[in-house]
Amino acid sequence: MECVIYQETSGAARHVDCSQADAACRVVLKNVADLGEGEFAWVHLSDPAEHELVALADELGLHPLAVEDAVQAHERPKRERYGDVLAVALKTLWYVEETSQVETGEMMVFLGPRFVLTVRHGPSDPAVEAARRLTVDPATVSCGPASVLHAILDVTVDTYTKAARGVRDDLTELERCVFSPERGDVTDQVYFLKREVLEFRDAIQPLVPVLEEFTGPRAPWPEDLLPYFRDVADHLHRADTEVRSLDDLLGSVLDAHLARVGTWQNDDMRKISAWAAILAIPTMVAGVYGMNFEHMPELGWSFGYPLALGVMAAAAGMLYRAFRRNGWL
């Protein structure tokens, strides 16, 4: 558990000592209750136990349904209003370059009149970078608790953009493999990457209408903060467009790969058919003279056997030359 007290006018941040696990909740609640004029608290929890979150929720006036969402951590991006507390759920993303995977987590943000409670699930924690940005630009703190929500959304959307670039690089490499002159089956890789993109879309698309509401005329914060949220919404729209195009391109790459596989199979069948045709004439001649009838032409002629072999070789050679000229072999 971490807690920071911000002064809106100066942007100063004061960290609360939460090192004692058994007393951390009590210390945080005492500091929240003793907030001075123009101060607000940011309380951050990482993969908290249910009893820890419930203890804070009772004192901060959080709705039980919102607490349940924060504990279970299986929510789609959304926003809910519970009295004077705004609850925002969003997905965190990070791209693992070694495995070409898009891993997901979850962040729940509770925005009250004088406090912000964030609950993080998963290895990725946008709160760290968000706190750094608030320290670098303390003027944004003057907007109150909403400035923390903006910083978290800004960091999260930036990771979306970075992850989209990683997926784009993987897709470019797949395109090289598909259109390479060498044969290789990349169906599994294309399907795997398509599943990653679908998981990506599930994180981004539900968040788009949430940010649109945050930038509209009925947004629940001062007008001075609206340009900041519009900037985040613009970045989110670009990331959403990029992911949609990646999904479409992956479908096209898969279709192109399957078409090439079909072409390879047709080439193989054509080669097999050509060799079968070349062998058909010697087989026919040998079959005729292998019937062993007593009265057959040229059976008593000393040059009959070499002539039969010559006819077989000449016919096979003519077919081979014709097939090679037509590109069948």
Protein backbone atom coordinates (compact mmCIF):
# COMPACT_ATOMS: atom_id res chain seq x y z
CA MET A 1 0.00 0.00 0.00
CA GLU A 2 1.21 3.49 -0.88
CA CYS A 3 -0.23 6.90 -0.07
CA VAL A 4 0.74 10.37 -1.27
CA ILE A 5 -0.80 13.64 -0.11
CA TYR A 6 -0.85 16.34 -2.82
CA GLN A 7 -1.21 20.09 -2.31
CA GLU A 8 -3.25 21.47 -5.22
CA THR A 9 -1.93 25.02 -5.17
CA SER A 10 1.80 24.21 -4.99
CA GLY A 11 1.81 20.69 -6.44
CA ALA A 12 3.89 19.50 -3.49
CA ALA A 13 3.71 15.79 -2.66
CA ARG A 14 4.07 14.27 0.79
CA HIS A 15 4.55 10.52 1.08
CA VAL A 16 2.86 8.70 3.96
CA ASP A 17 4.83 5.95 5.69
CA CYS A 18 2.95 2.69 5.00
CA SER A 19 5.84 0.33 5.73
CA GLN A 20 4.06 -1.37 8.65
CA ALA A 21 1.64 -3.74 6.95
CA ASP A 22 -0.59 -4.27 9.98
CA ALA A 23 -1.05 -0.54 10.58
CA ALA A 24 -0.88 0.76 6.99
CA CYS A 25 -4.62 0.94 6.49
CA ARG A 26 -5.17 2.79 9.77
CA VAL A 27 -2.38 5.28 9.01
CA VAL A 28 -3.73 5.98 5.52
CA LEU A 29 -7.27 6.55 6.75
CA LYS A 30 -6.03 8.91 9.46
CA ASN A 31 -4.13 11.00 6.90
CA VAL A 32 -7.16 11.09 4.62
CA ALA A 33 -9.35 12.24 7.51
CA ASP A 34 -6.82 14.96 8.45
CA LEU A 35 -6.48 16.45 4.94
CA GLY A 36 -6.01 20.20 4.99
CA GLU A 37 -7.49 22.83 2.71
CA GLY A 38 -6.60 22.24 -0.94
CA GLU A 39 -5.16 18.76 -0.31
CA PHE A 40 -6.14 15.37 -1.66
CA ALA A 41 -4.78 11.86 -1.13
CA TRP A 42 -3.76 9.23 -3.66
CA VAL A 43 -3.88 5.70 -2.21
CA HIS A 44 -2.44 2.94 -4.38
CA LEU A 45 -2.85 -0.82 -3.87
CA SER A 46 -1.11 -3.57 -5.82
CA ASP A 47 -2.90 -6.95 -5.98
CA PRO A 48 -4.57 -6.32 -2.60
CA ALA A 49 -6.29 -8.87 -0.42
CA GLU A 50 -10.06 -8.53 -0.17
CA HIS A 51 -10.08 -7.62 3.53
CA GLU A 52 -7.53 -4.84 2.90
CA LEU A 53 -9.66 -3.27 0.19
CA VAL A 54 -12.89 -3.69 2.14
CA ALA A 55 -11.41 -1.89 5.15
CA LEU A 56 -10.57 1.14 3.01
CA ALA A 57 -13.87 0.99 1.13
CA ASP A 58 -15.94 1.19 4.31
CA GLU A 59 -14.20 4.38 5.41
CA LEU A 60 -14.06 5.99 1.97
CA GLY A 61 -17.70 5.24 1.19
CA LEU A 62 -17.13 2.99 -1.82
CA HIS A 63 -20.05 0.98 -3.17
CA PRO A 64 -19.87 -2.79 -2.53
CA LEU A 65 -20.33 -3.53 -6.26
CA ALA A 66 -17.34 -1.33 -7.08
CA VAL A 67 -15.25 -3.11 -4.44
CA GLU A 68 -16.30 -6.47 -5.89
CA ASP A 69 -15.16 -5.35 -9.36
CA ALA A 70 -11.81 -4.22 -7.98
CA VAL A 71 -11.22 -7.51 -6.17
CA GLN A 72 -12.21 -9.85 -9.00
CA ALA A 73 -10.28 -7.91 -11.67
CA HIS A 74 -12.15 -9.38 -14.64
CA GLU A 75 -13.95 -6.26 -15.85
CA ARG A 76 -14.11 -4.69 -19.28
CA PRO A 77 -13.05 -1.02 -19.44
CA LYS A 78 -15.97 1.03 -18.16
CA ARG A 79 -17.01 3.89 -15.87
CA GLU A 80 -19.62 3.88 -13.13
CA ARG A 81 -20.90 6.61 -10.84
CA TYR A 82 -21.67 5.68 -7.22
CA GLY A 83 -22.88 8.84 -5.51
CA ASP A 84 -19.95 11.28 -5.45
CA VAL A 85 -17.41 8.56 -6.32
CA LEU A 86 -16.48 7.84 -9.94
CA ALA A 87 -15.18 4.31 -10.64
CA VAL A 88 -13.16 3.70 -13.82
CA ALA A 89 -11.93 0.26 -14.91
CA LEU A 90 -9.30 -0.05 -17.62
CA LYS A 91 -6.97 -2.68 -19.03
CA THR A 92 -3.20 -2.35 -18.82
CA LEU A 93 -1.08 -3.74 -21.65
CA TRP A 94 2.57 -4.46 -22.22
CA TYR A 95 4.35 -6.08 -25.15
CA VAL A 96 6.78 -8.94 -24.43
CA GLU A 97 9.30 -8.78 -27.27
CA GLU A 98 10.92 -12.15 -26.48
CA THR A 99 7.67 -14.10 -26.92
CA SER A 100 5.78 -11.62 -29.17
CA GLN A 101 2.92 -11.66 -26.68
CA VAL A 102 0.61 -8.92 -25.50
CA GLU A 103 0.09 -9.37 -21.76
CA THR A 104 -2.83 -7.71 -19.99
CA GLY A 105 -3.61 -6.55 -16.49
CA GLU A 106 -6.22 -4.33 -14.90
CA MET A 107 -6.40 -1.01 -13.11
CA MET A 108 -9.37 0.24 -11.10
CA VAL A 109 -9.54 3.95 -10.26
CA PHE A 110 -11.91 5.37 -7.63
CA LEU A 111 -12.20 9.14 -7.82
CA GLY A 112 -13.69 10.90 -4.81
CA PRO A 113 -13.98 14.60 -3.89
CA ARG A 114 -10.67 14.57 -1.99
CA PHE A 115 -9.10 11.19 -2.68
CA VAL A 116 -8.04 8.82 -5.44
CA LEU A 117 -7.87 5.08 -4.80
CA THR A 118 -6.16 2.96 -7.46
CA VAL A 119 -6.12 -0.84 -7.44
CA ARG A 120 -3.69 -2.61 -9.76
CA HIS A 121 -3.70 -6.25 -10.88
CA GLY A 122 -0.90 -7.68 -13.01
CA PRO A 123 2.82 -6.93 -13.40
CA SER A 124 2.36 -3.66 -15.31
CA ASP A 125 1.79 -0.67 -13.04
CA PRO A 126 1.02 2.66 -14.80
CA ALA A 127 0.82 4.37 -11.40
CA VAL A 128 4.63 4.53 -11.17
CA GLU A 129 5.03 6.54 -14.38
CA ALA A 130 1.90 8.57 -13.60
CA ALA A 131 3.35 9.64 -10.24
CA ARG A 132 6.61 10.61 -11.94
CA ARG A 133 4.75 12.81 -14.46
CA LEU A 134 2.83 14.54 -11.69
CA THR A 135 6.15 15.26 -9.97
CA VAL A 136 7.73 16.61 -13.16
CA ASP A 137 4.70 18.82 -13.95
CA PRO A 138 3.19 19.78 -10.57
CA ALA A 139 0.94 22.41 -12.20
CA THR A 140 -1.44 19.65 -13.33
CA VAL A 141 -2.08 18.76 -9.67
CA SER A 142 -4.07 21.97 -9.34
CA CYS A 143 -6.98 20.19 -11.03
CA GLY A 144 -7.37 17.95 -7.99
CA PRO A 145 -7.96 14.18 -7.98
CA ALA A 146 -8.92 14.22 -11.67
CA SER A 147 -5.28 15.00 -12.50
CA VAL A 148 -4.31 11.54 -11.19
CA LEU A 149 -6.94 9.87 -13.40
CA HIS A 150 -5.63 11.81 -16.40
CA ALA A 151 -2.03 10.80 -15.68
CA ILE A 152 -2.96 7.11 -15.36
CA LEU A 153 -5.01 7.19 -18.57
CA ASP A 154 -2.21 8.99 -20.39
CA VAL A 155 0.40 6.41 -19.34
CA THR A 156 -1.92 3.51 -20.16
CA VAL A 157 -2.71 4.80 -23.65
CA ASP A 158 1.00 5.38 -24.29
CA THR A 159 1.63 1.69 -23.56
CA TYR A 160 -1.13 0.83 -26.05
CA THR A 161 0.72 2.76 -28.73
CA LYS A 162 4.04 1.10 -27.86
CA ALA A 163 2.46 -2.37 -27.89
CA ALA A 164 0.86 -1.65 -31.27
CA ARG A 165 4.31 -0.85 -32.70
CA GLY A 166 5.62 -4.18 -31.45
CA VAL A 167 2.73 -6.08 -33.03
CA ARG A 168 3.26 -4.13 -36.28
CA ASP A 169 6.91 -5.27 -36.36
CA ASP A 170 5.81 -8.90 -35.88
CA LEU A 171 3.28 -8.54 -38.68
CA THR A 172 5.92 -7.11 -41.02
CA GLU A 173 8.16 -10.11 -40.32
CA LEU A 174 5.25 -12.47 -41.02
CA GLU A 175 4.59 -10.73 -44.33
CA ARG A 176 8.23 -11.31 -45.32
CA CYS A 177 7.88 -15.01 -44.51
CA VAL A 178 4.61 -15.35 -46.42
CA PHE A 179 5.93 -13.74 -49.60
CA SER A 180 9.39 -15.28 -49.37
CA PRO A 181 10.37 -17.62 -52.24
CA GLU A 182 11.17 -20.29 -49.66
CA ARG A 183 8.38 -22.52 -48.47
CA GLY A 184 7.35 -22.32 -44.84
CA ASP A 185 4.13 -22.84 -42.91
CA VAL A 186 3.38 -19.76 -40.78
CA THR A 187 -0.33 -20.49 -40.22
CA ASP A 188 0.20 -21.06 -36.49
CA GLN A 189 2.15 -17.81 -36.13
CA VAL A 190 -0.50 -15.77 -37.96
CA TYR A 191 -3.30 -17.29 -35.88
CA PHE A 192 -1.35 -16.72 -32.64
CA LEU A 193 -0.73 -13.07 -33.51
CA LYS A 194 -4.39 -12.61 -34.48
CA ARG A 195 -5.44 -13.85 -31.03
CA GLU A 196 -3.07 -11.31 -29.45
CA VAL A 197 -4.61 -8.53 -31.55
CA LEU A 198 -8.12 -9.58 -30.53
CA GLU A 199 -7.07 -9.38 -26.89
CA PHE A 200 -5.64 -5.96 -27.69
CA ARG A 201 -8.96 -4.84 -29.20
CA ASP A 202 -10.90 -6.04 -26.16
CA ALA A 203 -8.80 -3.68 -24.04
CA ILE A 204 -8.99 -0.62 -26.30
CA GLN A 205 -12.43 -0.52 -27.89
CA PRO A 206 -14.57 -0.36 -24.69
CA LEU A 207 -12.36 2.46 -23.42
CA VAL A 208 -13.07 4.70 -26.43
CA PRO A 209 -16.65 5.69 -25.42
CA VAL A 210 -15.49 6.19 -21.83
CA LEU A 211 -12.92 8.78 -22.88
CA GLU A 212 -15.42 10.40 -25.24
CA GLU A 213 -17.67 10.99 -22.24
CA PHE A 214 -14.73 12.41 -20.28
CA THR A 215 -14.11 15.00 -23.01
CA GLY A 216 -17.71 16.05 -23.55
CA PRO A 217 -19.63 19.00 -22.11
CA ARG A 218 -20.92 16.85 -19.23
CA ALA A 219 -17.46 15.79 -18.05
CA PRO A 220 -17.28 15.69 -14.22
CA TRP A 221 -14.22 18.02 -13.85
CA PRO A 222 -13.14 21.59 -14.53
CA GLU A 223 -13.04 22.80 -18.11
CA ASP A 224 -9.32 23.52 -17.78
CA LEU A 225 -8.70 19.76 -17.66
CA LEU A 226 -10.71 18.93 -20.80
CA PRO A 227 -7.87 19.63 -23.28
CA TYR A 228 -5.70 17.10 -21.44
CA PHE A 229 -8.36 14.41 -21.68
CA ARG A 230 -8.95 15.29 -25.35
CA ASP A 231 -5.27 14.70 -26.00
CA VAL A 232 -5.47 11.26 -24.37
CA ALA A 233 -8.65 10.49 -26.34
CA ASP A 234 -6.89 11.44 -29.58
CA HIS A 235 -4.00 9.08 -28.82
CA LEU A 236 -6.47 6.34 -27.95
CA HIS A 237 -8.33 6.79 -31.24
CA ARG A 238 -5.05 6.47 -33.13
CA ALA A 239 -4.16 3.30 -31.22
CA ASP A 240 -7.64 1.91 -31.88
CA THR A 241 -7.31 2.64 -35.61
CA GLU A 242 -3.88 0.99 -35.66
CA VAL A 243 -5.19 -2.16 -33.96
CA ARG A 244 -8.15 -2.36 -36.33
CA SER A 245 -5.80 -2.12 -39.33
CA LEU A 246 -3.55 -4.79 -37.81
CA ASP A 247 -6.52 -7.11 -37.43
CA ASP A 248 -7.55 -6.55 -41.07
CA LEU A 249 -3.98 -7.04 -42.31
CA LEU A 250 -3.62 -10.26 -40.37
CA GLY A 251 -6.73 -11.61 -42.07
CA SER A 252 -5.27 -10.64 -45.46
CA VAL A 253 -1.91 -12.20 -44.60
CA LEU A 254 -3.61 -15.43 -43.58
CA ASP A 255 -5.62 -15.51 -46.84
CA ALA A 256 -2.45 -14.83 -48.87
CA HIS A 257 -0.58 -17.58 -47.04
CA LEU A 258 -3.35 -20.11 -47.62
CA ALA A 259 -3.45 -19.09 -51.31
CA ARG A 260 0.30 -19.70 -51.58
CA VAL A 261 -0.06 -23.07 -49.87
CA GLY A 262 -2.70 -23.96 -52.46
CA THR A 263 -0.34 -22.88 -55.24
CA TRP A 264 2.45 -25.04 -53.79
CA GLN A 265 0.12 -28.01 -53.67
CA ASN A 266 -0.93 -27.43 -57.29
CA ASP A 267 2.74 -27.29 -58.34
CA ASP A 268 3.41 -30.56 -56.54
CA MET A 269 0.43 -32.26 -58.14
CA ARG A 270 1.48 -30.97 -61.57
CA LYS A 271 4.99 -32.40 -61.14
CA ILE A 272 3.62 -35.73 -59.96
CA SER A 273 1.24 -35.84 -62.91
CA ALA A 274 4.06 -35.00 -65.36
CA TRP A 275 6.29 -37.80 -64.08
CA ALA A 276 3.36 -40.20 -64.10
CA ALA A 277 2.75 -39.33 -67.79
CA ILE A 278 6.44 -39.87 -68.63
CA LEU A 279 6.39 -43.31 -67.02
CA ALA A 280 3.05 -44.25 -68.61
CA ILE A 281 4.50 -44.92 -72.13
CA PRO A 282 7.29 -47.31 -71.01
CA THR A 283 4.75 -49.02 -68.77
CA MET A 284 2.35 -49.43 -71.69
CA VAL A 285 5.02 -50.83 -74.06
CA ALA A 286 6.38 -53.17 -71.40
CA GLY A 287 2.85 -54.25 -70.57
CA VAL A 288 2.07 -55.13 -74.17
CA TYR A 289 5.18 -57.23 -74.62
CA GLY A 290 4.75 -58.78 -71.23
CA MET A 291 1.51 -60.52 -72.24
CA ASN A 292 3.57 -63.52 -73.52
CA PHE A 293 1.37 -64.53 -76.46
CA GLU A 294 2.99 -66.97 -78.88
CA HIS A 295 2.35 -64.99 -82.05
CA MET A 296 3.45 -61.41 -81.38
CA PRO A 297 5.27 -59.15 -83.92
CA GLU A 298 9.04 -58.91 -83.70
CA LEU A 299 9.39 -61.58 -80.99
CA GLY A 300 11.83 -63.52 -83.15
CA TRP A 301 13.71 -60.47 -84.40
CA SER A 302 17.11 -59.95 -82.82
CA PHE A 303 16.70 -56.15 -82.78
CA GLY A 304 13.20 -56.20 -81.26
CA TYR A 305 14.28 -55.76 -77.64
CA PRO A 306 16.65 -52.79 -78.29
CA LEU A 307 13.99 -51.21 -80.50
CA ALA A 308 11.37 -51.45 -77.75
CA LEU A 309 13.74 -49.85 -75.25
CA GLY A 310 14.58 -47.11 -77.77
CA VAL A 311 10.90 -46.35 -78.35
CA MET A 312 10.34 -46.14 -74.57
CA ALA A 313 13.33 -43.80 -74.07
CA ALA A 314 12.46 -41.59 -77.05
CA ALA A 315 8.81 -41.19 -75.99
CA ALA A 316 9.77 -40.48 -72.38
CA GLY A 317 12.41 -37.97 -73.52
CA MET A 318 9.94 -36.12 -75.74
CA LEU A 319 7.43 -35.81 -72.89
CA TYR A 320 10.15 -34.70 -70.46
CA ARG A 321 11.27 -31.97 -72.86
CA ALA A 322 7.69 -30.80 -73.42
CA PHE A 323 6.93 -30.67 -69.70
CA ARG A 324 10.15 -28.79 -68.95
CA ARG A 325 9.37 -26.22 -71.64
CA ASN A 326 5.92 -25.64 -70.11
CA GLY A 327 7.29 -25.34 -66.56
CA TRP A 328 5.71 -28.51 -65.22
CA LEU A 329 9.00 -29.96 -63.99
